Protein backbone atom coordinates (compact mmCIF):
# COMPACT_ATOMS: atom_id res chain seq x y z
CA MET A 1 8.22 79.44 -7.38
CA ARG A 2 10.56 81.62 -9.42
CA LYS A 3 13.13 78.87 -9.50
CA ASN A 4 10.53 76.39 -10.73
CA ASN A 5 9.26 78.85 -13.36
CA ARG A 6 12.80 79.49 -14.61
CA CYS A 7 13.40 75.77 -14.95
CA LEU A 8 10.13 75.27 -16.81
CA GLN A 9 10.80 78.23 -19.11
CA ARG A 10 14.32 76.98 -19.87
CA THR A 11 12.93 73.55 -20.75
CA SER A 12 10.24 75.13 -22.91
CA ARG A 13 12.88 77.18 -24.78
CA GLU A 14 14.92 74.02 -25.38
CA ILE A 15 11.86 72.28 -26.79
CA GLN A 16 11.14 75.27 -29.05
CA SER A 17 14.73 75.20 -30.29
CA ASP A 18 14.42 71.47 -30.96
CA LYS A 19 11.15 72.11 -32.79
CA ARG A 20 12.82 74.62 -35.12
CA LEU A 21 15.62 72.12 -35.81
CA LEU A 22 13.08 69.39 -36.59
CA GLU A 23 11.18 71.73 -38.94
CA ARG A 24 14.40 72.43 -40.86
CA GLN A 25 15.17 68.71 -41.06
CA GLU A 26 11.61 68.04 -42.24
CA LYS A 27 11.96 70.54 -45.11
CA GLU A 28 15.34 69.10 -46.10
CA LEU A 29 13.94 65.57 -46.13
CA GLU A 30 10.92 66.63 -48.19
CA GLU A 31 13.26 68.22 -50.77
CA LYS A 32 15.50 65.11 -50.86
CA ILE A 33 12.47 62.85 -51.26
CA LYS A 34 11.25 64.96 -54.20
CA LYS A 35 14.71 64.83 -55.85
CA LEU A 36 15.00 61.08 -55.36
CA ALA A 37 11.45 60.56 -56.63
CA LYS A 38 12.30 62.50 -59.78
CA ALA A 39 15.44 60.37 -60.15
CA GLY A 40 13.32 57.22 -59.75
CA GLN A 41 15.02 55.91 -56.61
CA LYS A 42 12.04 54.42 -54.81
CA GLU A 43 13.94 52.55 -52.07
CA ALA A 44 15.85 55.68 -51.02
CA CYS A 45 12.55 57.61 -51.03
CA THR A 46 10.98 54.99 -48.75
CA SER A 47 13.91 55.17 -46.32
CA LEU A 48 13.75 58.99 -46.20
CA ALA A 49 9.94 58.87 -45.84
CA LYS A 50 10.36 56.69 -42.71
CA GLN A 51 12.77 59.29 -41.31
CA LEU A 52 10.22 62.03 -42.15
CA VAL A 53 7.50 60.13 -40.27
CA GLN A 54 9.81 59.83 -37.24
CA ILE A 55 10.56 63.56 -37.34
CA ARG A 56 6.84 64.42 -37.48
CA LYS A 57 6.12 62.08 -34.55
CA GLN A 58 8.87 63.81 -32.59
CA GLN A 59 7.33 67.21 -33.41
CA THR A 60 3.98 65.98 -32.12
CA ARG A 61 5.64 64.72 -28.92
CA ASN A 62 7.39 68.10 -28.52
CA ASP A 63 4.07 69.94 -28.94
CA SER A 64 2.37 67.80 -26.32
CA MET A 65 5.37 68.23 -23.98
CA THR A 66 5.13 72.03 -24.40
CA ALA A 67 1.42 71.88 -23.52
CA HIS A 68 2.22 69.68 -20.53
CA LEU A 69 4.91 72.13 -19.33
CA ASN A 70 2.44 75.02 -19.66
CA ALA A 71 -0.07 73.07 -17.55
CA ILE A 72 2.60 72.39 -14.93
CA GLN A 73 3.51 76.09 -14.86
CA ALA A 74 -0.17 77.01 -14.36
CA GLN A 75 -0.47 74.46 -11.54
CA ASN A 76 2.70 75.84 -9.99
CA THR A 77 1.28 79.37 -10.09
CA ASN A 78 -2.02 78.19 -8.57
CA ALA A 79 -0.22 76.30 -5.80
CA TYR A 80 1.93 79.35 -5.03
CA SER A 81 -1.16 81.55 -4.93
CA ALA A 82 -2.97 79.12 -2.61
CA ALA A 83 0.08 79.01 -0.32
CA LYS A 84 0.17 82.82 -0.19
CA MET A 85 -3.55 82.92 0.60
CA ALA A 86 -3.03 80.41 3.43
CA GLN A 87 -0.15 82.50 4.76
CA VAL A 88 -2.26 85.67 4.65
CA ALA A 89 -5.14 83.88 6.40
CA GLY A 90 -2.73 82.69 9.09
CA ASN A 91 -1.42 86.22 9.61
CA ALA A 92 -4.97 87.58 9.78
CA THR A 93 -5.86 84.94 12.37
CA LYS A 94 -2.87 85.96 14.50
CA VAL A 95 -3.89 89.62 14.31
CA MET A 96 -7.47 88.79 15.28
CA LYS A 97 -6.26 86.71 18.25
CA ASN A 98 -4.07 89.60 19.41
CA MET A 99 -6.99 92.00 19.12
CA GLU A 100 -9.22 89.62 21.06
CA LYS A 101 -6.65 89.50 23.87
CA GLN A 102 -6.60 93.30 24.04
CA PHE A 103 -10.37 93.67 24.43
CA ASP A 104 -12.31 92.72 27.54
CA TYR A 105 -15.72 92.06 26.05
CA SER A 106 -17.48 91.80 29.42
CA LYS A 107 -16.16 95.26 30.33
CA ILE A 108 -17.25 96.69 26.97
CA SER A 109 -20.70 95.16 27.41
CA LYS A 110 -20.97 96.59 30.94
CA ASN A 111 -19.94 100.05 29.71
CA LEU A 112 -22.53 99.96 26.93
CA ARG A 113 -25.29 98.94 29.37
CA GLU A 114 -24.30 101.76 31.76
CA TYR A 115 -24.26 104.23 28.89
CA ALA A 116 -27.76 103.18 27.78
CA ALA A 117 -29.08 103.48 31.35
CA PHE A 118 -27.51 106.94 31.72
CA GLN A 119 -29.01 108.07 28.42
CA GLU A 120 -32.44 106.92 29.58
CA ARG A 121 -32.10 108.68 32.96
CA PHE A 122 -30.83 111.84 31.31
CA GLY A 123 -33.77 111.80 28.88
CA LEU A 124 -36.29 111.46 31.73
CA THR A 125 -34.58 114.18 33.78
CA ASP A 126 -34.47 116.51 30.79
CA GLU A 127 -38.15 115.86 30.13
CA MET A 128 -39.11 116.58 33.76
CA VAL A 129 -37.10 119.83 33.80
CA ASN A 130 -38.75 120.99 30.58
CA GLU A 131 -42.23 120.18 31.91
CA THR A 132 -41.55 122.05 35.15
CA LEU A 133 -40.24 125.11 33.33
CA ASP A 134 -43.16 125.05 30.91
CA SER A 135 -45.68 124.85 33.74
CA MET A 136 -44.01 127.74 35.60
CA LEU A 137 -43.72 130.05 32.61
CA ASP A 138 -46.81 129.03 30.65
CA VAL A 139 -49.56 130.35 32.95
CA SER A 140 -50.15 133.96 31.95
CA GLY A 141 -47.74 134.83 29.18
CA ASP A 142 -49.08 132.46 26.54
CA GLU A 143 -52.70 133.51 26.96
CA GLU A 144 -51.85 137.20 26.61
CA GLU A 145 -49.67 136.50 23.58
CA THR A 146 -52.43 134.40 22.02
CA ASP A 147 -55.00 137.18 22.52
CA ALA A 148 -52.59 139.74 21.03
CA ILE A 149 -52.06 137.62 17.91
CA VAL A 150 -55.80 137.06 17.42
CA ASN A 151 -56.52 140.80 17.86
CA GLN A 152 -53.77 141.70 15.39
CA VAL A 153 -55.21 139.33 12.77
CA LEU A 154 -58.70 140.68 13.32
CA ASP A 155 -57.42 144.27 13.10
CA GLU A 156 -55.77 143.44 9.80
CA LEU A 157 -59.12 142.19 8.56
CA ASN A 158 -60.73 145.48 9.68
CA ILE A 159 -62.90 143.77 12.20
CA ASP A 160 -63.18 145.14 15.69
CA MET A 161 -63.88 142.39 18.17
CA ASN A 162 -65.89 144.62 20.50
CA ALA A 163 -68.05 146.00 17.69
CA GLN A 164 -68.75 142.51 16.51
CA VAL A 165 -69.86 141.43 19.98
CA ILE A 166 -72.24 144.41 20.18
CA THR A 167 -73.56 143.68 16.69
CA ASN A 168 -74.09 140.05 17.61
CA SER A 169 -76.03 141.02 20.67
CA ALA A 170 -78.36 143.12 18.50
CA LYS A 171 -80.20 141.26 15.82
CA MET A 172 -78.20 141.02 12.61
CA THR A 173 -79.88 141.13 9.27
CA ASP A 174 -78.92 139.25 6.17
CA SER A 175 -77.61 142.41 4.54
CA ASP A 176 -75.30 143.03 7.54
CA LEU A 177 -73.91 139.53 7.22
CA GLU A 178 -73.39 140.00 3.46
CA ASN A 179 -71.53 143.28 4.07
CA MET A 180 -69.27 141.63 6.64
CA LEU A 181 -68.60 138.76 4.24
CA ALA A 182 -67.79 141.21 1.44
CA LYS A 183 -65.32 143.03 3.73
CA LEU A 184 -63.66 139.73 4.58
CA HIS A 185 -63.33 138.81 0.90
CA SER A 186 -61.97 142.23 -0.06
CA SER A 187 -59.22 142.03 2.57
């Protein structure tokens, strides 16, 4: 690609050099035509005008050749890029094939299934152990702790559970209930 680009750039420089030469010749011819026109030499002016037309046509051809060379250079770059992409894709394919050879997918699948089964068994075993421990330790301790918490809360509210039971067994009046409610609100 570099070799092709160098060749195209060299050709483009040559065309640019030729273009500058043609521009100088064009200016010289225009000046000569003006001098001859002032001198009244129509035939010489016509001959030089034909040369001027040829120079301008050549400039147009040079411009289109420069554009064509630029297009070729762009195509060359695109082709090089596409070739590099194909090469990279080929290398990636080789790497993926090598990786595929290294992995035994049936073994990996078997290992994953065994792992999932073990996880499920472990979860069930863990659950059964927790239930057994809870049933062994839960019988008396939790009830006593629950009663202690309830009594503490009631003590904080200045209510004695035993006194309340006695009061409930005797007939309570509305004023007693209002007093108890006021005590609860004040706490």
